[in-house]
Amino acid sequence: LKQTPSEIIPLNRSKIYIAFTIGDGDNLSYLKAARRDWMIDRRSKCETSNYSYDGCFPLQWSISPHLAYLAPGMLEWYYNQSYRTGHDWFVLPPSGHLYAYPSE
């Protein structure tokens, strides 16, 4: 699976840049239910707006890297939705399975 290529925008230091991120992607229950519903709704809104930035602005979703072996079909579904919108990308969540507990 590969991320949708993003548009390269030259840095303009006179502007302020923000990123919108949907969190809790480390919680697999959320990915199976609420986040899935959100993605379906988003895809529908993107289709309705003809994929314009007005209705389908760029959005990041945190998603567990462990889906690759725990639920590969679910991970593939999310990527397929992002390919359809062309404006969705995935980032690693800051918690969950990614916590480190070094031994003493």
Protein backbone atom coordinates (compact mmCIF):
# COMPACT_ATOMS: atom_id res chain seq x y z
CA LEU A 1 0.00 0.00 0.00
CA LYS A 2 1.23 3.46 -0.83
CA GLN A 3 0.11 6.91 0.19
CA THR A 4 -1.59 9.08 -2.38
CA PRO A 5 1.11 11.40 -3.76
CA SER A 6 0.79 14.85 -2.26
CA GLU A 7 1.09 18.15 -4.05
CA ILE A 8 4.47 19.82 -3.48
CA ILE A 9 3.89 23.38 -2.37
CA PRO A 10 6.86 25.72 -1.99
CA LEU A 11 7.22 27.14 1.51
CA ASN A 12 5.98 30.68 1.83
CA ARG A 13 7.23 32.06 5.15
CA SER A 14 4.58 34.81 5.11
CA LYS A 15 1.81 32.19 5.43
CA ILE A 16 0.69 30.01 8.31
CA TYR A 17 0.19 26.34 7.53
CA ILE A 18 -2.09 23.98 9.44
CA ALA A 19 -2.87 20.29 9.22
CA PHE A 20 -6.14 18.67 10.20
CA THR A 21 -5.67 15.22 11.73
CA ILE A 22 -8.28 12.66 12.78
CA GLY A 23 -6.84 10.97 15.87
CA ASP A 24 -7.39 7.77 17.87
CA GLY A 25 -6.19 5.59 15.01
CA ASP A 26 -4.36 3.43 17.54
CA ASN A 27 -7.77 2.22 18.80
CA LEU A 28 -8.82 -0.60 16.51
CA SER A 29 -12.42 -0.48 17.77
CA TYR A 30 -12.67 3.11 16.52
CA LEU A 31 -11.25 2.09 13.15
CA LYS A 32 -13.90 -0.64 12.86
CA ALA A 33 -16.81 1.64 13.74
CA ALA A 34 -16.83 5.44 14.13
CA ARG A 35 -13.78 6.22 11.98
CA ARG A 36 -15.05 3.91 9.27
CA ASP A 37 -18.36 5.78 9.26
CA TRP A 38 -16.48 9.09 9.15
CA MET A 39 -14.45 7.89 6.16
CA ILE A 40 -17.60 6.79 4.33
CA ASP A 41 -19.17 10.19 5.03
CA ARG A 42 -16.01 11.99 3.91
CA ARG A 43 -15.81 10.01 0.67
CA SER A 44 -19.44 10.88 -0.04
CA LYS A 45 -18.82 14.60 0.59
CA CYS A 46 -15.73 14.52 -1.61
CA GLU A 47 -17.70 12.90 -4.42
CA THR A 48 -20.53 15.45 -4.03
CA SER A 49 -18.07 18.37 -4.19
CA ASN A 50 -16.35 16.86 -7.24
CA TYR A 51 -13.19 16.54 -5.12
CA SER A 52 -12.71 20.31 -4.82
CA TYR A 53 -10.85 21.73 -1.83
CA ASP A 54 -14.09 23.41 -0.74
CA GLY A 55 -15.72 20.07 0.04
CA CYS A 56 -12.72 17.76 0.16
CA PHE A 57 -9.84 19.55 1.86
CA PRO A 58 -6.62 17.64 2.67
CA LEU A 59 -6.96 15.51 5.81
CA GLN A 60 -4.66 13.22 7.80
CA TRP A 61 -5.86 10.15 9.68
CA SER A 62 -3.82 8.48 12.38
CA ILE A 63 -3.82 4.74 11.82
CA SER A 64 -2.10 1.87 13.60
CA PRO A 65 0.75 0.25 11.70
CA HIS A 66 -0.30 -3.03 13.32
CA LEU A 67 -3.31 -3.24 11.02
CA ALA A 68 -0.91 -4.64 8.43
CA TYR A 69 -0.91 -7.97 10.31
CA LEU A 70 -3.95 -7.68 12.63
CA ALA A 71 -6.50 -6.60 10.02
CA PRO A 72 -4.89 -6.24 6.58
CA GLY A 73 -8.27 -6.06 4.86
CA MET A 74 -9.28 -3.11 7.02
CA LEU A 75 -6.02 -1.31 6.26
CA GLU A 76 -6.51 -1.93 2.56
CA TRP A 77 -10.07 -0.57 2.78
CA TYR A 78 -8.83 2.69 4.34
CA TYR A 79 -6.15 3.08 1.69
CA ASN A 80 -8.65 2.40 -1.09
CA GLN A 81 -10.89 5.16 0.29
CA SER A 82 -7.93 7.56 0.34
CA TYR A 83 -7.14 6.70 -3.28
CA ARG A 84 -10.73 7.61 -4.18
CA THR A 85 -10.69 11.02 -2.48
CA GLY A 86 -7.09 11.85 -3.38
CA HIS A 87 -7.00 14.16 -0.35
CA ASP A 88 -6.52 11.75 2.56
CA TRP A 89 -3.23 10.59 4.07
CA PHE A 90 -2.21 8.44 7.02
CA VAL A 91 0.14 9.18 9.90
CA LEU A 92 1.27 7.09 12.84
CA PRO A 93 -0.64 7.66 16.08
CA PRO A 94 1.40 9.01 19.00
CA SER A 95 0.29 6.29 21.39
CA GLY A 96 -1.16 2.81 21.69
CA HIS A 97 1.07 0.08 20.31
CA LEU A 98 3.81 2.59 19.71
CA TYR A 99 4.57 3.18 23.40
CA ALA A 100 8.01 1.94 24.40
CA TYR A 101 8.59 0.25 27.74
CA PRO A 102 12.32 -0.40 27.99
CA SER A 103 13.28 -3.18 30.36
CA GLU A 104 15.29 -2.37 33.45
